[in-house]
Protein backbone atom coordinates (compact mmCIF):
# COMPACT_ATOMS: atom_id res chain seq x y z
CA MET A 1 42.91 -272.43 -56.93
CA PHE A 2 41.54 -274.11 -53.89
CA GLY A 3 38.17 -273.04 -52.59
CA HIS A 4 37.42 -272.06 -49.04
CA PRO A 5 36.76 -274.77 -46.47
CA PRO A 6 34.63 -276.84 -46.25
CA ALA A 7 34.33 -276.90 -50.06
CA CYS A 8 37.95 -277.96 -50.30
CA ASN A 9 39.85 -280.08 -47.83
CA PRO A 10 43.37 -281.01 -49.00
CA TRP A 11 44.92 -283.59 -46.71
CA GLY A 12 48.51 -284.84 -46.47
CA ASP A 13 48.56 -288.64 -46.27
CA VAL A 14 51.70 -290.42 -45.03
CA GLY A 15 52.20 -293.55 -47.11
CA GLN A 16 52.88 -297.13 -46.08
CA ASP A 17 56.29 -297.75 -47.68
CA ASP A 18 57.08 -295.70 -50.77
CA VAL A 19 54.65 -292.85 -51.52
CA GLU A 20 53.37 -289.71 -49.78
CA ASP A 21 50.26 -288.03 -51.16
CA ILE A 22 47.70 -285.24 -50.96
CA ASP A 23 44.04 -286.15 -51.15
CA LEU A 24 41.06 -283.85 -51.55
CA ILE A 25 38.82 -285.23 -48.83
CA VAL A 26 35.15 -285.61 -49.68
CA LYS A 27 32.72 -287.42 -47.40
CA GLY A 28 32.02 -290.98 -48.55
CA GLN A 29 34.99 -291.35 -50.89
CA ASN A 30 37.28 -294.39 -50.83
CA TYR A 31 40.95 -293.37 -51.02
CA GLY A 32 42.16 -296.93 -51.48
CA TRP A 33 43.91 -297.83 -48.26
CA ARG A 34 45.26 -300.73 -48.12
CA ILE A 35 45.02 -301.77 -51.76
CA MET A 36 46.69 -298.55 -52.97
CA GLU A 37 49.61 -296.46 -51.80
CA GLY A 38 49.02 -293.13 -53.47
CA PRO A 39 48.43 -293.93 -57.15
CA ILE A 40 50.36 -297.23 -56.94
CA CYS A 41 48.73 -300.62 -56.41
CA THR A 42 50.01 -302.41 -53.31
CA PRO A 43 51.93 -305.55 -54.38
CA GLY A 44 50.37 -308.75 -53.08
CA VAL A 45 47.22 -306.92 -51.96
CA ASN A 46 45.82 -305.61 -55.25
CA SER A 47 47.39 -307.94 -57.83
CA GLN A 48 44.86 -306.98 -60.54
CA CYS A 49 45.47 -303.28 -59.80
CA ASP A 50 41.74 -302.62 -59.83
CA LYS A 51 41.12 -298.91 -59.13
CA THR A 52 37.35 -299.12 -59.67
CA GLY A 53 35.49 -296.92 -57.20
CA LEU A 54 38.64 -295.39 -55.73
CA THR A 55 39.50 -291.71 -55.46
CA LEU A 56 43.16 -291.29 -56.39
CA PRO A 57 45.36 -288.60 -54.86
CA LEU A 58 45.54 -285.07 -56.18
CA TYR A 59 49.34 -285.23 -55.94
CA SER A 60 51.90 -287.76 -54.77
CA TYR A 61 55.66 -288.10 -54.43
CA THR A 62 58.07 -290.93 -53.81
CA HIS A 63 60.74 -291.12 -51.16
CA ASP A 64 63.39 -289.51 -53.33
CA GLN A 65 61.65 -286.18 -52.46
CA GLY A 66 60.72 -286.86 -48.85
CA ARG A 67 59.54 -289.60 -46.52
CA SER A 68 56.81 -288.20 -44.29
CA ILE A 69 54.39 -285.60 -45.62
CA THR A 70 53.09 -282.97 -43.21
CA GLY A 71 49.80 -281.53 -44.43
CA GLY A 72 49.41 -277.77 -44.37
CA TYR A 73 46.97 -275.03 -45.31
CA VAL A 74 45.74 -273.13 -48.31
CA TYR A 75 47.51 -269.76 -48.05
CA ARG A 76 45.08 -266.86 -47.59
CA GLY A 77 47.43 -264.28 -46.07
CA LYS A 78 48.73 -261.00 -47.45
CA GLU A 79 52.48 -261.22 -46.82
CA PHE A 80 53.14 -263.42 -49.87
CA GLU A 81 50.59 -262.32 -52.46
CA GLN A 82 52.01 -264.71 -55.07
CA LEU A 83 51.08 -267.66 -52.82
CA CYS A 84 47.40 -266.76 -52.34
CA GLY A 85 45.30 -269.83 -53.04
CA ALA A 86 48.26 -272.24 -53.04
CA TYR A 87 48.29 -275.25 -50.71
CA LEU A 88 51.43 -275.09 -48.55
CA TYR A 89 52.67 -278.34 -47.06
CA GLY A 90 55.95 -279.91 -46.01
CA ASP A 91 57.90 -283.04 -45.31
CA PHE A 92 59.19 -283.99 -41.86
CA VAL A 93 62.27 -285.80 -43.20
CA SER A 94 63.38 -283.65 -46.16
CA GLN A 95 62.51 -280.46 -44.23
CA ALA A 96 61.09 -278.88 -47.37
CA ILE A 97 58.01 -276.71 -47.73
CA TRP A 98 56.20 -276.83 -51.07
CA GLY A 99 53.42 -274.87 -52.71
CA LEU A 100 50.86 -276.54 -54.95
CA ARG A 101 48.29 -274.89 -57.24
CA THR A 102 45.33 -276.51 -58.92
CA GLN A 103 42.72 -275.85 -61.55
CA GLY A 104 39.73 -277.99 -60.79
CA ASN A 105 41.14 -281.30 -59.59
CA LYS A 106 44.37 -280.99 -61.58
CA VAL A 107 47.75 -279.78 -60.30
CA VAL A 108 48.99 -276.99 -62.55
CA LYS A 109 52.02 -275.88 -60.52
CA HIS A 110 54.16 -277.45 -57.82
CA LYS A 111 57.22 -275.70 -56.46
CA THR A 112 59.71 -276.03 -53.62
CA LEU A 113 59.30 -272.86 -51.58
CA PHE A 114 61.86 -273.43 -48.83
CA LYS A 115 64.32 -276.00 -47.55
CA VAL A 116 65.60 -275.84 -44.00
CA GLN A 117 68.88 -274.27 -45.19
CA SER A 118 67.06 -271.41 -46.94
CA LEU A 119 64.61 -270.77 -44.13
CA LEU A 120 67.29 -268.59 -42.56
CA ASP A 121 66.36 -266.06 -45.25
CA LEU A 122 63.01 -265.72 -43.51
CA ALA A 123 62.25 -264.59 -39.99
CA PHE A 124 63.37 -267.81 -38.28
CA SER A 125 65.96 -267.33 -35.59
CA TYR A 126 66.32 -270.79 -34.08
CA PHE A 127 66.26 -274.34 -35.36
CA ASP A 128 66.28 -277.63 -33.56
CA ASP A 129 69.63 -279.41 -33.49
CA ASP A 130 68.30 -281.77 -36.15
CA GLY A 131 66.78 -279.01 -38.28
CA LEU A 132 63.19 -277.88 -38.45
CA LEU A 133 61.50 -281.32 -38.56
CA ILE A 134 58.08 -279.95 -39.51
CA SER A 135 55.52 -281.65 -37.29
CA THR A 136 52.49 -279.50 -38.11
CA PHE A 137 51.30 -276.30 -39.73
CA GLY A 138 49.00 -273.65 -38.33
CA GLU A 139 47.10 -270.65 -39.65
CA ASP A 140 46.19 -267.38 -37.92
CA GLU A 141 43.09 -265.21 -38.40
CA ALA A 142 44.87 -263.26 -41.16
CA GLY A 143 45.62 -266.43 -43.15
CA GLU A 144 49.37 -266.38 -42.40
CA ILE A 145 51.05 -269.77 -42.02
CA TYR A 146 53.09 -271.15 -39.12
CA VAL A 147 55.17 -274.31 -38.77
CA ALA A 148 55.97 -276.21 -35.58
CA ALA A 149 59.33 -277.85 -34.95
CA TYR A 150 59.14 -281.40 -33.62
CA GLN A 151 62.15 -281.44 -31.28
CA SER A 152 61.70 -278.07 -29.57
CA GLY A 153 57.95 -277.61 -30.02
CA ARG A 154 58.65 -274.06 -31.16
CA ILE A 155 56.30 -272.37 -33.57
CA TYR A 156 57.61 -270.22 -36.41
CA LYS A 157 55.73 -267.84 -38.64
CA ILE A 158 56.62 -267.96 -42.32
CA ALA A 159 57.44 -264.30 -42.88
CA LYS A 160 59.69 -261.99 -44.83
CA LYS A 161 62.63 -260.45 -42.99
């Protein structure tokens, strides 16, 4: 489970060429840019693949899952009790929303929660012509999560019907 901010600060990090990742941001840490892309050494930049002193990502994925991570929020709402404490985030290109759970600094569960096709099962009534194209997430005072659509700028609450 993620702690409450500022103790925990998961951050979606769009990669250079091949990898998207989630870092737990801690002041003073070195997350490896430019010599690393996620957990992978950058060819021609870090030929010895020296990871000394670097903080590697909590979680990463390659472009077979998505191509542009959109960082989200740790869910603290009441509408989806089973998601409490999970980090919800998405991908602009694949239009997926995932949930990630941790114990300490280790991922113990990662699951696709929604894809743009299945979002119609929720309380969404309109999508951009090109789909949802998740540009950002938001959170209200009750801990419920919202997503913003890039093309239209519309904001949608993730909610049950």
